[in-house]
N, C-alpha and C. Protein backbone atom coordinates (compact mmCIF):
# COMPACT_ATOMS: atom_id res chain seq x y z
N MET A 1 -121.30 15.31 160.16
CA MET A 1 -122.75 15.27 160.08
C MET A 1 -123.17 14.69 158.73
N ALA A 2 -124.09 13.73 158.73
CA ALA A 2 -124.56 13.13 157.49
C ALA A 2 -125.39 14.12 156.70
N GLU A 3 -125.29 14.02 155.40
CA GLU A 3 -126.03 14.93 154.54
C GLU A 3 -127.51 14.57 154.55
N LYS A 4 -128.37 15.58 154.76
CA LYS A 4 -129.80 15.34 154.75
C LYS A 4 -130.29 15.19 153.32
N ALA A 5 -131.24 14.31 153.11
CA ALA A 5 -131.80 14.09 151.78
C ALA A 5 -132.78 15.21 151.44
N ILE A 6 -132.64 15.73 150.22
CA ILE A 6 -133.58 16.74 149.74
C ILE A 6 -134.04 16.36 148.34
N ASN A 7 -135.07 17.02 147.87
CA ASN A 7 -135.56 16.78 146.52
C ASN A 7 -134.42 17.00 145.53
N PRO A 8 -134.13 16.01 144.67
CA PRO A 8 -133.01 16.15 143.73
C PRO A 8 -133.16 17.31 142.76
N VAL A 9 -134.42 17.65 142.42
CA VAL A 9 -134.65 18.79 141.53
C VAL A 9 -134.24 20.09 142.22
N VAL A 10 -134.62 20.21 143.50
CA VAL A 10 -134.25 21.40 144.27
C VAL A 10 -132.73 21.50 144.38
N LYS A 11 -132.09 20.37 144.61
CA LYS A 11 -130.63 20.36 144.73
C LYS A 11 -129.97 20.81 143.44
N GLN A 12 -130.47 20.33 142.30
CA GLN A 12 -129.91 20.72 141.02
C GLN A 12 -130.12 22.21 140.74
N VAL A 13 -131.29 22.72 141.12
CA VAL A 13 -131.57 24.14 140.92
C VAL A 13 -130.60 24.99 141.74
N LEU A 14 -130.36 24.59 142.98
CA LEU A 14 -129.45 25.34 143.85
C LEU A 14 -128.00 25.25 143.38
N GLU A 15 -127.63 24.13 142.77
CA GLU A 15 -126.26 23.95 142.32
C GLU A 15 -126.01 24.61 140.97
N LEU A 16 -126.97 24.51 140.06
CA LEU A 16 -126.77 25.02 138.70
C LEU A 16 -127.45 26.36 138.45
N GLY A 17 -128.43 26.68 139.28
CA GLY A 17 -129.21 27.91 139.08
C GLY A 17 -128.40 29.19 139.04
N PRO A 18 -127.44 29.39 139.97
CA PRO A 18 -126.68 30.64 139.97
C PRO A 18 -125.94 30.90 138.66
N THR A 19 -125.33 29.86 138.09
CA THR A 19 -124.61 30.03 136.83
C THR A 19 -125.56 30.40 135.70
N LEU A 20 -126.71 29.74 135.67
CA LEU A 20 -127.70 30.07 134.65
C LEU A 20 -128.23 31.48 134.85
N ALA A 21 -128.41 31.90 136.11
CA ALA A 21 -128.88 33.25 136.40
C ALA A 21 -127.86 34.28 135.91
N PHE A 22 -126.57 34.00 136.13
CA PHE A 22 -125.52 34.90 135.63
C PHE A 22 -125.62 35.04 134.12
N PHE A 23 -125.82 33.92 133.44
CA PHE A 23 -125.92 33.94 131.98
C PHE A 23 -127.09 34.80 131.51
N LEU A 24 -128.25 34.62 132.13
CA LEU A 24 -129.44 35.37 131.73
C LEU A 24 -129.29 36.86 132.04
N ILE A 25 -128.72 37.16 133.20
CA ILE A 25 -128.50 38.57 133.56
C ILE A 25 -127.52 39.22 132.59
N TYR A 26 -126.48 38.47 132.26
CA TYR A 26 -125.49 39.01 131.31
C TYR A 26 -126.15 39.31 129.96
N LEU A 27 -126.98 38.39 129.46
CA LEU A 27 -127.65 38.62 128.19
C LEU A 27 -128.52 39.87 128.23
N ARG A 28 -129.11 40.12 129.40
CA ARG A 28 -130.03 41.26 129.52
C ARG A 28 -129.28 42.59 129.56
N ILE A 29 -128.10 42.64 130.17
CA ILE A 29 -127.44 43.94 130.40
C ILE A 29 -126.07 44.05 129.73
N ARG A 30 -125.72 43.11 128.88
CA ARG A 30 -124.36 43.09 128.32
C ARG A 30 -124.00 44.34 127.52
N ASP A 31 -124.99 44.98 126.91
CA ASP A 31 -124.71 46.16 126.07
C ASP A 31 -124.83 47.47 126.83
N GLU A 32 -125.08 47.38 128.13
CA GLU A 32 -125.28 48.60 128.92
C GLU A 32 -124.06 48.90 129.79
N ASN A 33 -123.93 50.16 130.17
CA ASN A 33 -122.90 50.59 131.11
C ASN A 33 -123.58 51.19 132.33
N PHE A 34 -123.00 50.98 133.49
CA PHE A 34 -123.61 51.44 134.74
C PHE A 34 -122.59 52.26 135.52
N THR A 35 -123.04 53.40 136.04
CA THR A 35 -122.17 54.23 136.87
C THR A 35 -122.52 54.01 138.33
N ILE A 36 -121.56 53.49 139.08
CA ILE A 36 -121.75 53.18 140.50
C ILE A 36 -120.66 53.89 141.29
N ALA A 37 -121.08 54.77 142.21
CA ALA A 37 -120.13 55.52 143.03
C ALA A 37 -119.11 56.26 142.18
N GLY A 38 -119.60 56.79 141.07
CA GLY A 38 -118.74 57.59 140.20
C GLY A 38 -117.87 56.80 139.24
N THR A 39 -117.96 55.45 139.27
CA THR A 39 -117.17 54.61 138.37
C THR A 39 -118.08 53.91 137.39
N GLU A 40 -117.69 53.90 136.14
CA GLU A 40 -118.50 53.26 135.10
C GLU A 40 -118.09 51.80 134.94
N TYR A 41 -119.09 50.91 134.98
CA TYR A 41 -118.85 49.48 134.84
C TYR A 41 -119.61 48.93 133.65
N THR A 42 -119.04 47.93 132.99
CA THR A 42 -119.72 47.29 131.87
C THR A 42 -120.81 46.36 132.40
N GLY A 43 -121.70 45.95 131.50
CA GLY A 43 -122.74 45.01 131.88
C GLY A 43 -122.19 43.69 132.37
N PHE A 44 -121.08 43.25 131.79
CA PHE A 44 -120.46 41.99 132.23
C PHE A 44 -120.03 42.06 133.68
N ILE A 45 -119.37 43.14 134.06
CA ILE A 45 -118.89 43.27 135.44
C ILE A 45 -120.05 43.36 136.42
N VAL A 46 -121.10 44.09 136.05
CA VAL A 46 -122.27 44.18 136.92
C VAL A 46 -122.93 42.81 137.07
N ALA A 47 -123.02 42.06 135.97
CA ALA A 47 -123.60 40.71 136.04
C ALA A 47 -122.75 39.81 136.94
N ALA A 48 -121.43 39.96 136.86
CA ALA A 48 -120.54 39.17 137.72
C ALA A 48 -120.74 39.51 139.18
N LEU A 49 -120.96 40.80 139.48
CA LEU A 49 -121.17 41.22 140.87
C LEU A 49 -122.52 40.75 141.40
N ILE A 50 -123.54 40.76 140.54
CA ILE A 50 -124.85 40.26 140.95
C ILE A 50 -124.79 38.76 141.21
N PHE A 51 -123.93 38.09 140.45
CA PHE A 51 -123.77 36.64 140.58
C PHE A 51 -123.32 36.24 141.98
N ILE A 52 -122.51 37.08 142.62
CA ILE A 52 -121.94 36.74 143.93
C ILE A 52 -123.02 36.50 144.99
N PRO A 53 -123.95 37.46 145.25
CA PRO A 53 -124.98 37.19 146.26
C PRO A 53 -125.93 36.06 145.86
N ILE A 54 -126.16 35.90 144.55
CA ILE A 54 -127.01 34.79 144.11
C ILE A 54 -126.36 33.46 144.46
N LEU A 55 -125.06 33.34 144.18
CA LEU A 55 -124.35 32.11 144.49
C LEU A 55 -124.32 31.86 146.00
N LEU A 56 -124.06 32.90 146.78
CA LEU A 56 -124.01 32.73 148.24
C LEU A 56 -125.37 32.33 148.79
N ALA A 57 -126.43 32.91 148.25
CA ALA A 57 -127.78 32.54 148.70
C ALA A 57 -128.08 31.08 148.38
N ALA A 58 -127.65 30.63 147.19
CA ALA A 58 -127.87 29.24 146.80
C ALA A 58 -127.06 28.29 147.67
N ARG A 59 -125.79 28.65 147.92
CA ARG A 59 -124.95 27.81 148.77
C ARG A 59 -125.50 27.77 150.20
N GLY A 60 -125.95 28.92 150.69
CA GLY A 60 -126.53 28.97 152.03
C GLY A 60 -127.78 28.11 152.13
N SER A 61 -128.62 28.18 151.11
CA SER A 61 -129.85 27.37 151.09
C SER A 61 -129.51 25.89 151.04
N LEU A 62 -128.50 25.55 150.24
CA LEU A 62 -128.10 24.15 150.13
C LEU A 62 -127.57 23.64 151.48
N TRP A 63 -126.80 24.47 152.15
CA TRP A 63 -126.28 24.08 153.46
C TRP A 63 -127.41 23.94 154.47
N PHE A 64 -128.37 24.86 154.43
CA PHE A 64 -129.50 24.82 155.37
C PHE A 64 -130.34 23.56 155.15
N LEU A 65 -130.53 23.19 153.88
CA LEU A 65 -131.40 22.05 153.57
C LEU A 65 -130.70 20.71 153.75
N THR A 66 -129.40 20.65 153.47
CA THR A 66 -128.69 19.37 153.53
C THR A 66 -127.80 19.25 154.76
N GLY A 67 -127.46 20.38 155.38
CA GLY A 67 -126.57 20.36 156.53
C GLY A 67 -125.11 20.15 156.16
N LYS A 68 -124.79 20.26 154.84
CA LYS A 68 -123.42 19.98 154.42
C LYS A 68 -123.11 20.66 153.10
N LEU A 69 -121.88 21.15 152.96
CA LEU A 69 -121.36 21.64 151.68
C LEU A 69 -120.05 20.92 151.42
N SER A 70 -119.83 20.58 150.17
CA SER A 70 -118.57 19.92 149.82
C SER A 70 -117.43 20.94 149.82
N ARG A 71 -116.22 20.46 149.93
CA ARG A 71 -115.06 21.36 149.89
C ARG A 71 -115.01 22.10 148.55
N MET A 72 -115.41 21.41 147.48
CA MET A 72 -115.40 22.04 146.16
C MET A 72 -116.40 23.18 146.09
N GLN A 73 -117.57 23.00 146.69
CA GLN A 73 -118.58 24.06 146.69
C GLN A 73 -118.11 25.27 147.49
N ILE A 74 -117.45 25.01 148.61
CA ILE A 74 -116.91 26.11 149.42
C ILE A 74 -115.78 26.81 148.67
N PHE A 75 -114.92 26.02 148.04
CA PHE A 75 -113.79 26.59 147.31
C PHE A 75 -114.25 27.46 146.15
N THR A 76 -115.20 26.98 145.36
CA THR A 76 -115.67 27.77 144.22
C THR A 76 -116.37 29.04 144.69
N ALA A 77 -117.10 28.97 145.79
CA ALA A 77 -117.75 30.17 146.32
C ALA A 77 -116.70 31.20 146.73
N PHE A 78 -115.63 30.73 147.38
CA PHE A 78 -114.55 31.63 147.77
C PHE A 78 -113.91 32.27 146.55
N MET A 79 -113.67 31.48 145.51
CA MET A 79 -113.03 31.99 144.30
C MET A 79 -113.90 33.03 143.62
N VAL A 80 -115.20 32.79 143.59
CA VAL A 80 -116.13 33.75 142.97
C VAL A 80 -116.10 35.07 143.74
N ILE A 81 -116.13 35.00 145.07
CA ILE A 81 -116.09 36.22 145.89
C ILE A 81 -114.77 36.95 145.69
N PHE A 82 -113.67 36.21 145.75
CA PHE A 82 -112.34 36.82 145.65
C PHE A 82 -112.13 37.48 144.30
N PHE A 83 -112.37 36.74 143.23
CA PHE A 83 -112.13 37.30 141.91
C PHE A 83 -113.21 38.28 141.48
N GLY A 84 -114.42 38.10 142.01
CA GLY A 84 -115.45 39.11 141.77
C GLY A 84 -115.06 40.43 142.41
N GLY A 85 -114.48 40.34 143.61
CA GLY A 85 -114.01 41.55 144.28
C GLY A 85 -112.89 42.23 143.52
N LEU A 86 -111.93 41.45 143.02
CA LEU A 86 -110.85 42.01 142.21
C LEU A 86 -111.39 42.64 140.93
N THR A 87 -112.38 41.98 140.34
CA THR A 87 -112.98 42.51 139.11
C THR A 87 -113.59 43.88 139.36
N ALA A 88 -114.31 44.02 140.47
CA ALA A 88 -114.94 45.31 140.80
C ALA A 88 -113.90 46.35 141.19
N TYR A 89 -112.91 45.95 142.00
CA TYR A 89 -111.93 46.90 142.51
C TYR A 89 -111.09 47.50 141.37
N PHE A 90 -110.64 46.63 140.47
CA PHE A 90 -109.81 47.10 139.36
C PHE A 90 -110.63 47.45 138.12
N ASN A 91 -111.95 47.20 138.21
CA ASN A 91 -112.84 47.45 137.06
C ASN A 91 -112.30 46.75 135.81
N ASP A 92 -111.96 45.49 135.99
CA ASP A 92 -111.31 44.72 134.92
C ASP A 92 -111.92 43.32 134.87
N GLU A 93 -112.62 43.03 133.80
CA GLU A 93 -113.33 41.75 133.69
C GLU A 93 -112.40 40.56 133.55
N ARG A 94 -111.14 40.79 133.27
CA ARG A 94 -110.20 39.69 133.10
C ARG A 94 -110.05 38.86 134.37
N PHE A 95 -110.17 39.49 135.53
CA PHE A 95 -110.03 38.75 136.79
C PHE A 95 -111.11 37.68 136.93
N PHE A 96 -112.34 38.05 136.57
CA PHE A 96 -113.43 37.09 136.69
C PHE A 96 -113.26 35.94 135.70
N LYS A 97 -112.73 36.23 134.53
CA LYS A 97 -112.51 35.19 133.54
C LYS A 97 -111.37 34.26 133.95
N MET A 98 -110.37 34.81 134.63
CA MET A 98 -109.24 33.99 135.08
C MET A 98 -109.64 33.01 136.17
N LYS A 99 -110.72 33.33 136.88
CA LYS A 99 -111.19 32.48 137.97
C LYS A 99 -111.34 31.03 137.52
N THR A 100 -111.91 30.82 136.36
CA THR A 100 -112.15 29.46 135.86
C THR A 100 -110.83 28.73 135.64
N THR A 101 -109.86 29.42 135.08
CA THR A 101 -108.55 28.81 134.86
C THR A 101 -107.94 28.37 136.18
N ILE A 102 -108.02 29.22 137.19
CA ILE A 102 -107.39 28.91 138.47
C ILE A 102 -108.11 27.77 139.18
N VAL A 103 -109.44 27.74 139.10
CA VAL A 103 -110.19 26.64 139.72
C VAL A 103 -109.78 25.31 139.09
N TYR A 104 -109.78 25.25 137.76
CA TYR A 104 -109.38 24.01 137.09
C TYR A 104 -107.92 23.69 137.37
N GLY A 105 -107.09 24.72 137.42
CA GLY A 105 -105.67 24.50 137.68
C GLY A 105 -105.42 23.95 139.07
N VAL A 106 -106.14 24.48 140.06
CA VAL A 106 -105.99 23.99 141.44
C VAL A 106 -106.44 22.53 141.53
N MET A 107 -107.55 22.21 140.88
CA MET A 107 -108.04 20.83 140.91
C MET A 107 -107.03 19.89 140.27
N ALA A 108 -106.48 20.29 139.11
CA ALA A 108 -105.47 19.46 138.45
C ALA A 108 -104.24 19.31 139.34
N GLY A 109 -103.84 20.42 139.98
CA GLY A 109 -102.67 20.38 140.84
C GLY A 109 -102.85 19.47 142.04
N LEU A 110 -104.02 19.54 142.68
CA LEU A 110 -104.27 18.69 143.85
C LEU A 110 -104.27 17.21 143.47
N LEU A 111 -104.95 16.89 142.38
CA LEU A 111 -104.97 15.49 141.93
C LEU A 111 -103.56 15.04 141.54
N GLY A 112 -102.81 15.96 140.90
CA GLY A 112 -101.45 15.62 140.50
C GLY A 112 -100.54 15.35 141.68
N ILE A 113 -100.68 16.15 142.74
CA ILE A 113 -99.89 15.93 143.96
C ILE A 113 -100.19 14.55 144.55
N GLY A 114 -101.47 14.21 144.58
CA GLY A 114 -101.85 12.90 145.09
C GLY A 114 -101.24 11.78 144.26
N LEU A 115 -101.26 11.94 142.93
CA LEU A 115 -100.70 10.92 142.05
C LEU A 115 -99.20 10.76 142.29
N LEU A 116 -98.49 11.87 142.49
CA LEU A 116 -97.06 11.79 142.76
C LEU A 116 -96.77 11.06 144.07
N ARG A 117 -97.74 11.11 144.99
CA ARG A 117 -97.58 10.41 146.27
C ARG A 117 -98.16 9.00 146.21
N GLY A 118 -98.60 8.58 145.01
CA GLY A 118 -99.16 7.25 144.86
C GLY A 118 -100.55 7.11 145.45
N GLN A 119 -101.26 8.24 145.54
CA GLN A 119 -102.60 8.24 146.13
C GLN A 119 -103.61 8.86 145.17
N SER A 120 -104.85 8.49 145.38
CA SER A 120 -105.94 9.09 144.61
C SER A 120 -106.81 9.91 145.56
N TYR A 121 -106.63 11.23 145.51
CA TYR A 121 -107.48 12.09 146.34
C TYR A 121 -108.93 12.03 145.88
N LEU A 122 -109.12 11.68 144.61
CA LEU A 122 -110.47 11.54 144.09
C LEU A 122 -111.20 10.41 144.80
N GLN A 123 -110.45 9.36 145.13
CA GLN A 123 -111.05 8.23 145.83
C GLN A 123 -111.61 8.65 147.18
N TYR A 124 -110.90 9.56 147.89
CA TYR A 124 -111.36 10.01 149.19
C TYR A 124 -112.71 10.70 149.09
N VAL A 125 -112.93 11.37 147.96
CA VAL A 125 -114.15 12.15 147.79
C VAL A 125 -115.31 11.31 147.27
N MET A 126 -115.01 10.35 146.38
CA MET A 126 -116.07 9.66 145.65
C MET A 126 -116.19 8.17 145.97
N GLU A 127 -115.34 7.65 146.85
CA GLU A 127 -115.34 6.21 147.10
C GLU A 127 -116.69 5.70 147.58
N GLU A 128 -117.40 6.54 148.33
CA GLU A 128 -118.70 6.12 148.86
C GLU A 128 -119.71 5.87 147.75
N PHE A 129 -119.54 6.58 146.62
CA PHE A 129 -120.50 6.47 145.53
C PHE A 129 -120.04 5.52 144.42
N LEU A 130 -118.72 5.32 144.32
CA LEU A 130 -118.18 4.47 143.26
C LEU A 130 -117.24 3.43 143.86
N PRO A 131 -117.71 2.20 144.04
CA PRO A 131 -116.84 1.14 144.59
C PRO A 131 -115.89 0.62 143.51
N ILE A 132 -114.70 1.23 143.42
CA ILE A 132 -113.73 0.87 142.38
C ILE A 132 -112.44 0.42 143.05
N GLU A 133 -111.75 -0.52 142.40
CA GLU A 133 -110.46 -0.98 142.90
C GLU A 133 -109.44 0.16 142.85
N LYS A 134 -108.40 0.04 143.66
CA LYS A 134 -107.39 1.11 143.75
C LYS A 134 -106.78 1.43 142.39
N GLU A 135 -106.47 0.42 141.60
CA GLU A 135 -105.89 0.66 140.28
C GLU A 135 -106.83 1.49 139.41
N GLY A 136 -108.12 1.20 139.51
CA GLY A 136 -109.11 1.96 138.76
C GLY A 136 -109.16 3.41 139.21
N TRP A 137 -109.06 3.63 140.52
CA TRP A 137 -109.06 5.00 141.03
C TRP A 137 -107.84 5.78 140.53
N MET A 138 -106.71 5.14 140.45
CA MET A 138 -105.51 5.81 139.97
C MET A 138 -105.65 6.19 138.50
N ILE A 139 -106.22 5.30 137.71
CA ILE A 139 -106.45 5.60 136.29
C ILE A 139 -107.44 6.75 136.15
N PHE A 140 -108.53 6.67 136.88
CA PHE A 140 -109.58 7.70 136.85
C PHE A 140 -108.99 9.05 137.26
N THR A 141 -108.23 9.05 138.33
CA THR A 141 -107.64 10.29 138.84
C THR A 141 -106.67 10.90 137.83
N ARG A 142 -105.84 10.06 137.23
CA ARG A 142 -104.87 10.56 136.25
C ARG A 142 -105.59 11.20 135.06
N ARG A 143 -106.62 10.55 134.57
CA ARG A 143 -107.35 11.09 133.42
C ARG A 143 -108.07 12.39 133.78
N LEU A 144 -108.66 12.43 134.98
CA LEU A 144 -109.37 13.65 135.38
C LEU A 144 -108.38 14.79 135.62
N CYS A 145 -107.21 14.47 136.11
CA CYS A 145 -106.16 15.49 136.29
C CYS A 145 -105.82 16.12 134.94
N TYR A 146 -105.63 15.29 133.92
CA TYR A 146 -105.35 15.80 132.58
C TYR A 146 -106.52 16.62 132.04
N MET A 147 -107.73 16.17 132.35
CA MET A 147 -108.91 16.88 131.86
C MET A 147 -109.02 18.26 132.48
N PHE A 148 -108.82 18.36 133.78
CA PHE A 148 -108.86 19.67 134.44
C PHE A 148 -107.79 20.59 133.87
N ALA A 149 -106.60 20.04 133.65
CA ALA A 149 -105.52 20.85 133.07
C ALA A 149 -105.90 21.33 131.68
N ALA A 150 -106.49 20.46 130.88
CA ALA A 150 -106.90 20.83 129.52
C ALA A 150 -107.97 21.91 129.53
N LEU A 151 -108.93 21.79 130.46
CA LEU A 151 -109.99 22.80 130.55
C LEU A 151 -109.42 24.14 130.99
N GLY A 152 -108.44 24.11 131.89
CA GLY A 152 -107.80 25.35 132.32
C GLY A 152 -107.09 26.03 131.17
N VAL A 153 -106.35 25.25 130.39
CA VAL A 153 -105.66 25.81 129.22
C VAL A 153 -106.66 26.34 128.21
N ALA A 154 -107.72 25.57 127.98
CA ALA A 154 -108.75 25.99 127.02
C ALA A 154 -109.38 27.31 127.45
N ASN A 155 -109.67 27.45 128.76
CA ASN A 155 -110.26 28.70 129.25
C ASN A 155 -109.34 29.88 129.00
N GLU A 156 -108.04 29.69 129.26
CA GLU A 156 -107.08 30.77 129.03
C GLU A 156 -107.06 31.19 127.57
N ILE A 157 -107.03 30.21 126.68
CA ILE A 157 -107.00 30.52 125.25
C ILE A 157 -108.27 31.23 124.81
N ILE A 158 -109.41 30.75 125.31
CA ILE A 158 -110.70 31.30 124.87
C ILE A 158 -110.88 32.73 125.35
N TRP A 159 -110.65 32.99 126.64
CA TRP A 159 -110.94 34.36 127.11
C TRP A 159 -109.94 35.36 126.58
N ARG A 160 -108.75 34.89 126.23
CA ARG A 160 -107.74 35.81 125.71
C ARG A 160 -107.90 36.08 124.22
N THR A 161 -108.56 35.17 123.50
CA THR A 161 -108.61 35.30 122.04
C THR A 161 -110.01 35.49 121.48
N GLN A 162 -111.05 35.19 122.29
CA GLN A 162 -112.42 35.24 121.78
C GLN A 162 -113.22 36.34 122.47
N THR A 163 -114.44 36.54 122.00
CA THR A 163 -115.29 37.59 122.56
C THR A 163 -115.82 37.18 123.93
N THR A 164 -116.24 38.18 124.70
CA THR A 164 -116.85 37.90 126.00
C THR A 164 -118.12 37.08 125.84
N ASP A 165 -118.90 37.39 124.80
CA ASP A 165 -120.13 36.63 124.55
C ASP A 165 -119.84 35.14 124.42
N LEU A 166 -118.84 34.80 123.62
CA LEU A 166 -118.50 33.39 123.42
C LEU A 166 -118.00 32.78 124.72
N TRP A 167 -117.17 33.51 125.45
CA TRP A 167 -116.66 32.97 126.71
C TRP A 167 -117.78 32.67 127.69
N VAL A 168 -118.74 33.58 127.83
CA VAL A 168 -119.85 33.37 128.76
C VAL A 168 -120.65 32.13 128.37
N LYS A 169 -120.90 31.94 127.09
CA LYS A 169 -121.66 30.78 126.64
C LYS A 169 -120.90 29.48 126.91
N LEU A 170 -119.61 29.48 126.63
CA LEU A 170 -118.82 28.27 126.88
C LEU A 170 -118.68 28.00 128.38
N GLU A 171 -118.48 29.05 129.17
CA GLU A 171 -118.38 28.91 130.62
C GLU A 171 -119.66 28.35 131.23
N THR A 172 -120.80 28.81 130.70
CA THR A 172 -122.09 28.41 131.26
C THR A 172 -122.50 27.02 130.83
N PHE A 173 -122.27 26.68 129.57
CA PHE A 173 -122.80 25.43 129.04
C PHE A 173 -121.73 24.43 128.61
N ALA A 174 -120.76 24.86 127.80
CA ALA A 174 -119.83 23.91 127.20
C ALA A 174 -118.93 23.23 128.21
N PHE A 175 -118.27 24.00 129.07
CA PHE A 175 -117.35 23.41 130.03
C PHE A 175 -118.03 22.40 130.96
N PRO A 176 -119.17 22.76 131.57
CA PRO A 176 -119.84 21.77 132.44
C PRO A 176 -120.28 20.52 131.69
N VAL A 177 -120.79 20.69 130.46
CA VAL A 177 -121.26 19.53 129.69
C VAL A 177 -120.08 18.64 129.31
N VAL A 178 -118.99 19.25 128.86
CA VAL A 178 -117.80 18.47 128.50
C VAL A 178 -117.30 17.68 129.70
N LEU A 179 -117.24 18.32 130.86
CA LEU A 179 -116.76 17.64 132.06
C LEU A 179 -117.70 16.52 132.47
N MET A 180 -119.00 16.76 132.39
CA MET A 180 -119.97 15.74 132.77
C MET A 180 -119.90 14.53 131.84
N VAL A 181 -119.83 14.79 130.54
CA VAL A 181 -119.72 13.69 129.57
C VAL A 181 -118.43 12.91 129.80
N PHE A 182 -117.35 13.63 130.05
CA PHE A 182 -116.06 12.98 130.32
C PHE A 182 -116.17 12.05 131.52
N LEU A 183 -116.80 12.51 132.60
CA LEU A 183 -116.93 11.70 133.80
C LEU A 183 -117.73 10.43 133.53
N TRP A 184 -118.84 10.58 132.81
CA TRP A 184 -119.67 9.41 132.52
C TRP A 184 -118.95 8.41 131.62
N VAL A 185 -118.19 8.92 130.65
CA VAL A 185 -117.43 8.04 129.76
C VAL A 185 -116.39 7.26 130.57
N GLN A 186 -115.71 7.96 131.49
CA GLN A 186 -114.69 7.30 132.30
C GLN A 186 -115.30 6.23 133.20
N ILE A 187 -116.44 6.54 133.79
CA ILE A 187 -117.11 5.55 134.65
C ILE A 187 -117.47 4.31 133.84
N TYR A 188 -117.94 4.53 132.61
CA TYR A 188 -118.29 3.39 131.74
C TYR A 188 -117.04 2.57 131.38
N LYS A 189 -115.94 3.27 131.07
CA LYS A 189 -114.73 2.58 130.64
C LYS A 189 -114.02 1.87 131.79
N LEU A 190 -114.36 2.23 133.02
CA LEU A 190 -113.72 1.62 134.19
C LEU A 190 -114.58 0.51 134.80
N GLN A 191 -115.55 0.02 134.05
CA GLN A 191 -116.44 -1.02 134.57
C GLN A 191 -115.68 -2.24 135.07
N ASP A 192 -114.56 -2.57 134.40
CA ASP A 192 -113.80 -3.77 134.80
C ASP A 192 -113.19 -3.63 136.19
N TYR A 193 -113.09 -2.39 136.69
CA TYR A 193 -112.48 -2.17 138.00
C TYR A 193 -113.51 -2.03 139.12
N PHE A 194 -114.79 -2.11 138.77
CA PHE A 194 -115.82 -1.97 139.79
C PHE A 194 -115.81 -3.19 140.70
N ILE A 195 -116.01 -2.92 141.98
CA ILE A 195 -116.05 -3.99 142.98
C ILE A 195 -117.49 -4.46 143.12
N GLU A 196 -117.69 -5.76 142.88
CA GLU A 196 -119.03 -6.32 143.00
C GLU A 196 -119.41 -6.41 144.47
N PRO A 197 -120.68 -6.10 144.80
CA PRO A 197 -121.12 -6.21 146.19
C PRO A 197 -120.98 -7.64 146.69
N ALA A 198 -120.52 -7.75 147.90
CA ALA A 198 -120.31 -9.09 148.48
C ALA A 198 -121.64 -9.82 148.61
N GLU A 199 -121.59 -11.09 148.29
CA GLU A 199 -122.81 -11.89 148.41
C GLU A 199 -123.11 -12.16 149.88
N GLU A 200 -124.37 -12.15 150.19
CA GLU A 200 -124.77 -12.38 151.58
C GLU A 200 -124.47 -13.83 151.97
N ALA A 201 -123.94 -13.98 153.13
CA ALA A 201 -123.63 -15.32 153.62
C ALA A 201 -124.93 -16.07 153.92
N GLU A 202 -124.92 -17.30 153.54
CA GLU A 202 -126.13 -18.09 153.79
C GLU A 202 -126.25 -18.37 155.29
N LYS A 203 -127.44 -18.22 155.75
CA LYS A 203 -127.69 -18.45 157.16
C LYS A 203 -128.03 -19.91 157.37
């Protein structure tokens, strides 16, 4: 099914809003403790649990409006539910923090498997939007694979050595911005591999 066109502002709100909501909720309740069903939870864990229905509502709205969700959107939603559940069950915020490492690790692994097979799985996902020659796709995929791996390692180092406050800020703002800037830089540097649109044949 083709994706339905929606207002780009609405789409951005639905895609980025849940993460921003988690950040704001965390700031509001980070110093509080909550007793639920006889178990005491920190503000971080409660914010992580509230994040789950917010994310699902946003994903559901996006699917309703566009008629389509990407595999990445479905995968991240699953990871949030799974690790959010582990966080609540074990009352341990480390599970939610590990989620980011695993998401980046899985992405790096999938791209790496494709590269070992001489293929660019990134091309399958983005070819419609970026007309690039095969060699360019392989270069782009290799660099993005390294970038995902680096972000995964960085997340592990940060959550294990820094405060929760710093991790939440980096998770909400720094990681997405770094990845976005990296993608734009790569697209600019791969201009030589872009395929020019075919000229119309003279009638």
